[in-house]
Amino acid sequence: MPVATGHVPDAATQHAIAAQQQQMANQNALTQASVAAQMQMAHNEFQTENAKALAKAIKNLAKATADLIN
């Protein structure tokens, strides 16, 4: 694995570089998973709030209809 100076790092350095690259890849994967989970939670909360609002609207409509009948 050549570096900017044109020298090839020794095996230990190459191993350290590979380990660091793997750690970065793992961190990126964890970050992506965390963001996806947060997005899913936000979506679920949005759906829950929409369902509550719809239930309230239906309840108000039922009350208004009952008031018209009575």
PDB file of N, CA and C in Angstrom:
ATOM      1  N   MET A   1       0.854  -1.166   0.000  1.00  0.00           N
ATOM      2  CA  MET A   1       0.000   0.000   0.000  1.00  0.00           C
ATOM      3  C   MET A   1       0.905   1.235   0.000  1.00  0.00           C
ATOM      4  N   PRO A   2       1.136   1.847  -1.128  1.00  0.00           N
ATOM      5  CA  PRO A   2       2.033   3.014  -1.211  1.00  0.00           C
ATOM      6  C   PRO A   2       1.448   4.217  -0.487  1.00  0.00           C
ATOM      7  N   VAL A   3       2.334   5.015   0.074  1.00  0.00           N
ATOM      8  CA  VAL A   3       1.930   6.263   0.719  1.00  0.00           C
ATOM      9  C   VAL A   3       2.463   7.422  -0.099  1.00  0.00           C
ATOM     10  N   ALA A   4       2.171   8.637   0.317  1.00  0.00           N
ATOM     11  CA  ALA A   4       2.500   9.821  -0.469  1.00  0.00           C
ATOM     12  C   ALA A   4       4.005   9.950  -0.754  1.00  0.00           C
ATOM     13  N   THR A   5       4.839   9.452   0.149  1.00  0.00           N
ATOM     14  CA  THR A   5       6.273   9.623  -0.047  1.00  0.00           C
ATOM     15  C   THR A   5       6.852   8.610  -1.030  1.00  0.00           C
ATOM     16  N   GLY A   6       6.053   7.642  -1.423  1.00  0.00           N
ATOM     17  CA  GLY A   6       6.537   6.628  -2.351  1.00  0.00           C
ATOM     18  C   GLY A   6       7.105   5.412  -1.631  1.00  0.00           C
ATOM     19  N   HIS A   7       7.189   5.451  -0.303  1.00  0.00           N
ATOM     20  CA  HIS A   7       7.680   4.314   0.471  1.00  0.00           C
ATOM     21  C   HIS A   7       6.530   3.377   0.788  1.00  0.00           C
ATOM     22  N   VAL A   8       6.851   2.109   0.893  1.00  0.00           N
ATOM     23  CA  VAL A   8       5.847   1.117   1.253  1.00  0.00           C
ATOM     24  C   VAL A   8       5.946   0.867   2.755  1.00  0.00           C
ATOM     25  N   PRO A   9       4.837   1.009   3.483  1.00  0.00           N
ATOM     26  CA  PRO A   9       4.875   0.779   4.924  1.00  0.00           C
ATOM     27  C   PRO A   9       5.165  -0.694   5.238  1.00  0.00           C
ATOM     28  N   ASP A  10       5.730  -0.937   6.405  1.00  0.00           N
ATOM     29  CA  ASP A  10       6.012  -2.320   6.791  1.00  0.00           C
ATOM     30  C   ASP A  10       4.706  -3.035   7.126  1.00  0.00           C
ATOM     31  N   ALA A  11       4.798  -4.328   7.381  1.00  0.00           N
ATOM     32  CA  ALA A  11       3.610  -5.154   7.591  1.00  0.00           C
ATOM     33  C   ALA A  11       2.802  -4.684   8.789  1.00  0.00           C
ATOM     34  N   ALA A  12       3.465  -4.312   9.870  1.00  0.00           N
ATOM     35  CA  ALA A  12       2.749  -3.858  11.062  1.00  0.00           C
ATOM     36  C   ALA A  12       1.972  -2.581  10.771  1.00  0.00           C
ATOM     37  N   THR A  13       2.572  -1.674  10.027  1.00  0.00           N
ATOM     38  CA  THR A  13       1.900  -0.421   9.680  1.00  0.00           C
ATOM     39  C   THR A  13       0.732  -0.694   8.740  1.00  0.00           C
ATOM     40  N   GLN A  14       0.946  -1.580   7.774  1.00  0.00           N
ATOM     41  CA  GLN A  14      -0.145  -1.944   6.862  1.00  0.00           C
ATOM     42  C   GLN A  14      -1.304  -2.567   7.637  1.00  0.00           C
ATOM     43  N   HIS A  15      -0.972  -3.404   8.616  1.00  0.00           N
ATOM     44  CA  HIS A  15      -2.013  -4.022   9.439  1.00  0.00           C
ATOM     45  C   HIS A  15      -2.759  -2.946  10.248  1.00  0.00           C
ATOM     46  N   ALA A  16      -2.029  -2.001  10.807  1.00  0.00           N
ATOM     47  CA  ALA A  16      -2.649  -0.918  11.579  1.00  0.00           C
ATOM     48  C   ALA A  16      -3.555  -0.070  10.691  1.00  0.00           C
ATOM     49  N   ILE A  17      -3.098   0.190   9.474  1.00  0.00           N
ATOM     50  CA  ILE A  17      -3.910   0.968   8.522  1.00  0.00           C
ATOM     51  C   ILE A  17      -5.189   0.208   8.189  1.00  0.00           C
ATOM     52  N   ALA A  18      -5.063  -1.093   7.922  1.00  0.00           N
ATOM     53  CA  ALA A  18      -6.239  -1.914   7.601  1.00  0.00           C
ATOM     54  C   ALA A  18      -7.203  -1.950   8.778  1.00  0.00           C
ATOM     55  N   ALA A  19      -6.664  -2.059  10.000  1.00  0.00           N
ATOM     56  CA  ALA A  19      -7.519  -2.087  11.189  1.00  0.00           C
ATOM     57  C   ALA A  19      -8.248  -0.759  11.354  1.00  0.00           C
ATOM     58  N   GLN A  20      -7.544   0.340  11.105  1.00  0.00           N
ATOM     59  CA  GLN A  20      -8.177   1.659  11.217  1.00  0.00           C
ATOM     60  C   GLN A  20      -9.265   1.820  10.154  1.00  0.00           C
ATOM     61  N   GLN A  21      -8.996   1.352   8.953  1.00  0.00           N
ATOM     62  CA  GLN A  21     -10.003   1.434   7.893  1.00  0.00           C
ATOM     63  C   GLN A  21     -11.228   0.608   8.252  1.00  0.00           C
ATOM     64  N   GLN A  22     -11.013  -0.570   8.856  1.00  0.00           N
ATOM     65  CA  GLN A  22     -12.134  -1.413   9.271  1.00  0.00           C
ATOM     66  C   GLN A  22     -12.931  -0.743  10.383  1.00  0.00           C
ATOM     67  N   GLN A  23     -12.236  -0.110  11.323  1.00  0.00           N
ATOM     68  CA  GLN A  23     -12.926   0.609  12.396  1.00  0.00           C
ATOM     69  C   GLN A  23     -13.770   1.744  11.826  1.00  0.00           C
ATOM     70  N   MET A  24     -13.249   2.435  10.842  1.00  0.00           N
ATOM     71  CA  MET A  24     -14.000   3.531  10.217  1.00  0.00           C
ATOM     72  C   MET A  24     -15.232   2.976   9.499  1.00  0.00           C
ATOM     73  N   ALA A  25     -15.051   1.855   8.807  1.00  0.00           N
ATOM     74  CA  ALA A  25     -16.181   1.227   8.110  1.00  0.00           C
ATOM     75  C   ALA A  25     -17.241   0.774   9.116  1.00  0.00           C
ATOM     76  N   ASN A  26     -16.793   0.199  10.236  1.00  0.00           N
ATOM     77  CA  ASN A  26     -17.733  -0.231  11.272  1.00  0.00           C
ATOM     78  C   ASN A  26     -18.482   0.967  11.849  1.00  0.00           C
ATOM     79  N   GLN A  27     -17.766   2.056  12.117  1.00  0.00           N
ATOM     80  CA  GLN A  27     -18.403   3.252  12.665  1.00  0.00           C
ATOM     81  C   GLN A  27     -19.413   3.826  11.680  1.00  0.00           C
ATOM     82  N   ASN A  28     -19.068   3.829  10.405  1.00  0.00           N
ATOM     83  CA  ASN A  28     -20.010   4.312   9.387  1.00  0.00           C
ATOM     84  C   ASN A  28     -21.267   3.458   9.368  1.00  0.00           C
ATOM     85  N   ALA A  29     -21.095   2.140   9.461  1.00  0.00           N
ATOM     86  CA  ALA A  29     -22.241   1.239   9.455  1.00  0.00           C
ATOM     87  C   ALA A  29     -23.113   1.470  10.689  1.00  0.00           C
ATOM     88  N   LEU A  30     -22.484   1.649  11.848  1.00  0.00           N
ATOM     89  CA  LEU A  30     -23.245   1.918  13.071  1.00  0.00           C
ATOM     90  C   LEU A  30     -23.990   3.241  12.975  1.00  0.00           C
ATOM     91  N   THR A  31     -23.348   4.247  12.407  1.00  0.00           N
ATOM     92  CA  THR A  31     -23.989   5.548  12.247  1.00  0.00           C
ATOM     93  C   THR A  31     -25.194   5.433  11.326  1.00  0.00           C
ATOM     94  N   GLN A  32     -25.029   4.722  10.212  1.00  0.00           N
ATOM     95  CA  GLN A  32     -26.139   4.543   9.280  1.00  0.00           C
ATOM     96  C   GLN A  32     -27.291   3.790   9.934  1.00  0.00           C
ATOM     97  N   ALA A  33     -26.971   2.759  10.722  1.00  0.00           N
ATOM     98  CA  ALA A  33     -28.015   1.996  11.407  1.00  0.00           C
ATOM     99  C   ALA A  33     -28.732   2.870  12.435  1.00  0.00           C
ATOM    100  N   SER A  34     -27.977   3.700  13.132  1.00  0.00           N
ATOM    101  CA  SER A  34     -28.572   4.587  14.134  1.00  0.00           C
ATOM    102  C   SER A  34     -29.494   5.604  13.476  1.00  0.00           C
ATOM    103  N   VAL A  35     -29.050   6.186  12.380  1.00  0.00           N
ATOM    104  CA  VAL A  35     -29.875   7.160  11.662  1.00  0.00           C
ATOM    105  C   VAL A  35     -31.146   6.488  11.138  1.00  0.00           C
ATOM    106  N   ALA A  36     -31.007   5.279  10.605  1.00  0.00           N
ATOM    107  CA  ALA A  36     -32.178   4.554  10.094  1.00  0.00           C
ATOM    108  C   ALA A  36     -33.165   4.270  11.221  1.00  0.00           C
ATOM    109  N   ALA A  37     -32.659   3.886  12.390  1.00  0.00           N
ATOM    110  CA  ALA A  37     -33.533   3.616  13.528  1.00  0.00           C
ATOM    111  C   ALA A  37     -34.237   4.883  13.988  1.00  0.00           C
ATOM    112  N   GLN A  38     -33.518   5.999  14.014  1.00  0.00           N
ATOM    113  CA  GLN A  38     -34.132   7.271  14.409  1.00  0.00           C
ATOM    114  C   GLN A  38     -35.206   7.691  13.412  1.00  0.00           C
ATOM    115  N   MET A  39     -34.936   7.476  12.139  1.00  0.00           N
ATOM    116  CA  MET A  39     -35.924   7.815  11.112  1.00  0.00           C
ATOM    117  C   MET A  39     -37.169   6.947  11.270  1.00  0.00           C
ATOM    118  N   GLN A  40     -36.972   5.657  11.561  1.00  0.00           N
ATOM    119  CA  GLN A  40     -38.104   4.761  11.739  1.00  0.00           C
ATOM    120  C   GLN A  40     -38.929   5.165  12.960  1.00  0.00           C
ATOM    121  N   MET A  41     -38.252   5.531  14.046  1.00  0.00           N
ATOM    122  CA  MET A  41     -38.972   5.972  15.248  1.00  0.00           C
ATOM    123  C   MET A  41     -39.770   7.242  14.969  1.00  0.00           C
ATOM    124  N   ALA A  42     -39.172   8.170  14.238  1.00  0.00           N
ATOM    125  CA  ALA A  42     -39.877   9.408  13.898  1.00  0.00           C
ATOM    126  C   ALA A  42     -41.091   9.109  13.020  1.00  0.00           C
ATOM    127  N   HIS A  43     -40.927   8.198  12.080  1.00  0.00           N
ATOM    128  CA  HIS A  43     -42.034   7.815  11.199  1.00  0.00           C
ATOM    129  C   HIS A  43     -43.160   7.167  12.016  1.00  0.00           C
ATOM    130  N   ASN A  44     -42.772   6.278  12.939  1.00  0.00           N
ATOM    131  CA  ASN A  44     -43.776   5.618  13.783  1.00  0.00           C
ATOM    132  C   ASN A  44     -44.526   6.637  14.641  1.00  0.00           C
ATOM    133  N   GLU A  45     -43.787   7.597  15.198  1.00  0.00           N
ATOM    134  CA  GLU A  45     -44.423   8.626  16.018  1.00  0.00           C
ATOM    135  C   GLU A  45     -45.374   9.472  15.179  1.00  0.00           C
ATOM    136  N   PHE A  46     -44.950   9.789  13.952  1.00  0.00           N
ATOM    137  CA  PHE A  46     -45.799  10.561  13.043  1.00  0.00           C
ATOM    138  C   PHE A  46     -47.094   9.804  12.754  1.00  0.00           C
ATOM    139  N   GLN A  47     -46.977   8.498  12.477  1.00  0.00           N
ATOM    140  CA  GLN A  47     -48.167   7.692  12.193  1.00  0.00           C
ATOM    141  C   GLN A  47     -49.089   7.627  13.421  1.00  0.00           C
ATOM    142  N   THR A  48     -48.493   7.493  14.602  1.00  0.00           N
ATOM    143  CA  THR A  48     -49.284   7.436  15.830  1.00  0.00           C
ATOM    144  C   THR A  48     -50.043   8.737  16.035  1.00  0.00           C
ATOM    145  N   GLU A  49     -49.361   9.863  15.863  1.00  0.00           N
ATOM    146  CA  GLU A  49     -50.011  11.161  16.042  1.00  0.00           C
ATOM    147  C   GLU A  49     -51.110  11.365  15.007  1.00  0.00           C
ATOM    148  N   ASN A  50     -50.883  10.925  13.780  1.00  0.00           N
ATOM    149  CA  ASN A  50     -51.911  11.037  12.744  1.00  0.00           C
ATOM    150  C   ASN A  50     -53.128  10.189  13.096  1.00  0.00           C
ATOM    151  N   ALA A  51     -52.886   8.985  13.619  1.00  0.00           N
ATOM    152  CA  ALA A  51     -53.995   8.113  14.010  1.00  0.00           C
ATOM    153  C   ALA A  51     -54.791   8.735  15.155  1.00  0.00           C
ATOM    154  N   LYS A  52     -54.096   9.343  16.112  1.00  0.00           N
ATOM    155  CA  LYS A  52     -54.790  10.010  17.221  1.00  0.00           C
ATOM    156  C   LYS A  52     -55.644  11.166  16.701  1.00  0.00           C
ATOM    157  N   ALA A  53     -55.086  11.948  15.791  1.00  0.00           N
ATOM    158  CA  ALA A  53     -55.827  13.082  15.233  1.00  0.00           C
ATOM    159  C   ALA A  53     -57.048  12.596  14.448  1.00  0.00           C
ATOM    160  N   LEU A  54     -56.888  11.526  13.696  1.00  0.00           N
ATOM    161  CA  LEU A  54     -58.012  10.973  12.938  1.00  0.00           C
ATOM    162  C   LEU A  54     -59.083  10.446  13.888  1.00  0.00           C
ATOM    163  N   ALA A  55     -58.675   9.770  14.958  1.00  0.00           N
ATOM    164  CA  ALA A  55     -59.646   9.264  15.929  1.00  0.00           C
ATOM    165  C   ALA A  55     -60.417  10.419  16.572  1.00  0.00           C
ATOM    166  N   LYS A  56     -59.710  11.489  16.874  1.00  0.00           N
ATOM    167  CA  LYS A  56     -60.372  12.660  17.468  1.00  0.00           C
ATOM    168  C   LYS A  56     -61.364  13.267  16.479  1.00  0.00           C
ATOM    169  N   ALA A  57     -60.967  13.358  15.211  1.00  0.00           N
ATOM    170  CA  ALA A  57     -61.860  13.918  14.196  1.00  0.00           C
ATOM    171  C   ALA A  57     -63.100  13.042  14.030  1.00  0.00           C
ATOM    172  N   ILE A  58     -62.912  11.721  14.038  1.00  0.00           N
ATOM    173  CA  ILE A  58     -64.058  10.810  13.914  1.00  0.00           C
ATOM    174  C   ILE A  58     -64.981  10.953  15.119  1.00  0.00           C
ATOM    175  N   LYS A  59     -64.394  11.055  16.311  1.00  0.00           N
ATOM    176  CA  LYS A  59     -65.194  11.234  17.525  1.00  0.00           C
ATOM    177  C   LYS A  59     -66.010  12.517  17.441  1.00  0.00           C
ATOM    178  N   ASN A  60     -65.367  13.614  16.994  1.00  0.00           N
ATOM    179  CA  ASN A  60     -66.082  14.896  16.865  1.00  0.00           C
ATOM    180  C   ASN A  60     -67.181  14.816  15.812  1.00  0.00           C
ATOM    181  N   LEU A  61     -66.908  14.115  14.727  1.00  0.00           N
ATOM    182  CA  LEU A  61     -67.916  13.949  13.676  1.00  0.00           C
ATOM    183  C   LEU A  61     -69.098  13.128  14.192  1.00  0.00           C
ATOM    184  N   ALA A  62     -68.791  12.069  14.958  1.00  0.00           N
ATOM    185  CA  ALA A  62     -69.868  11.249  15.519  1.00  0.00           C
ATOM    186  C   ALA A  62     -70.713  12.059  16.487  1.00  0.00           C
ATOM    187  N   LYS A  63     -70.047  12.884  17.305  1.00  0.00           N
ATOM    188  CA  LYS A  63     -70.788  13.733  18.247  1.00  0.00           C
ATOM    189  C   LYS A  63     -71.666  14.739  17.493  1.00  0.00           C
ATOM    190  N   ALA A  64     -71.109  15.335  16.446  1.00  0.00           N
ATOM    191  CA  ALA A  64     -71.877  16.313  15.667  1.00  0.00           C
ATOM    192  C   ALA A  64     -73.076  15.638  15.007  1.00  0.00           C
ATOM    193  N   THR A  65     -72.855  14.435  14.503  1.00  0.00           N
ATOM    194  CA  THR A  65     -73.963  13.693  13.867  1.00  0.00           C
ATOM    195  C   THR A  65     -75.037  13.353  14.902  1.00  0.00           C
ATOM    196  N   ALA A  66     -74.614  12.919  16.086  1.00  0.00           N
ATOM    197  CA  ALA A  66     -75.563  12.590  17.148  1.00  0.00           C
ATOM    198  C   ALA A  66     -76.347  13.841  17.556  1.00  0.00           C
ATOM    199  N   ASP A  67     -75.659  14.968  17.617  1.00  0.00           N
ATOM    200  CA  ASP A  67     -76.324  16.223  17.988  1.00  0.00           C
ATOM    201  C   ASP A  67     -77.380  16.609  16.946  1.00  0.00           C
ATOM    202  N   LEU A  68     -77.096  16.323  15.669  1.00  0.00           N
ATOM    203  CA  LEU A  68     -78.065  16.628  14.612  1.00  0.00           C
ATOM    204  C   LEU A  68     -79.295  15.742  14.720  1.00  0.00           C
ATOM    205  N   ILE A  69     -79.075  14.501  15.116  1.00  0.00           N
ATOM    206  CA  ILE A  69     -80.187  13.561  15.212  1.00  0.00           C
ATOM    207  C   ILE A  69     -81.057  13.877  16.417  1.00  0.00           C
ATOM    208  N   ASN A  70     -80.438  14.284  17.500  1.00  0.00           N
ATOM    209  CA  ASN A  70     -81.192  14.551  18.730  1.00  0.00           C
ATOM    210  C   ASN A  70     -81.825  15.883  18.721  1.00  0.00           C
TER     211      ASN A  70
END
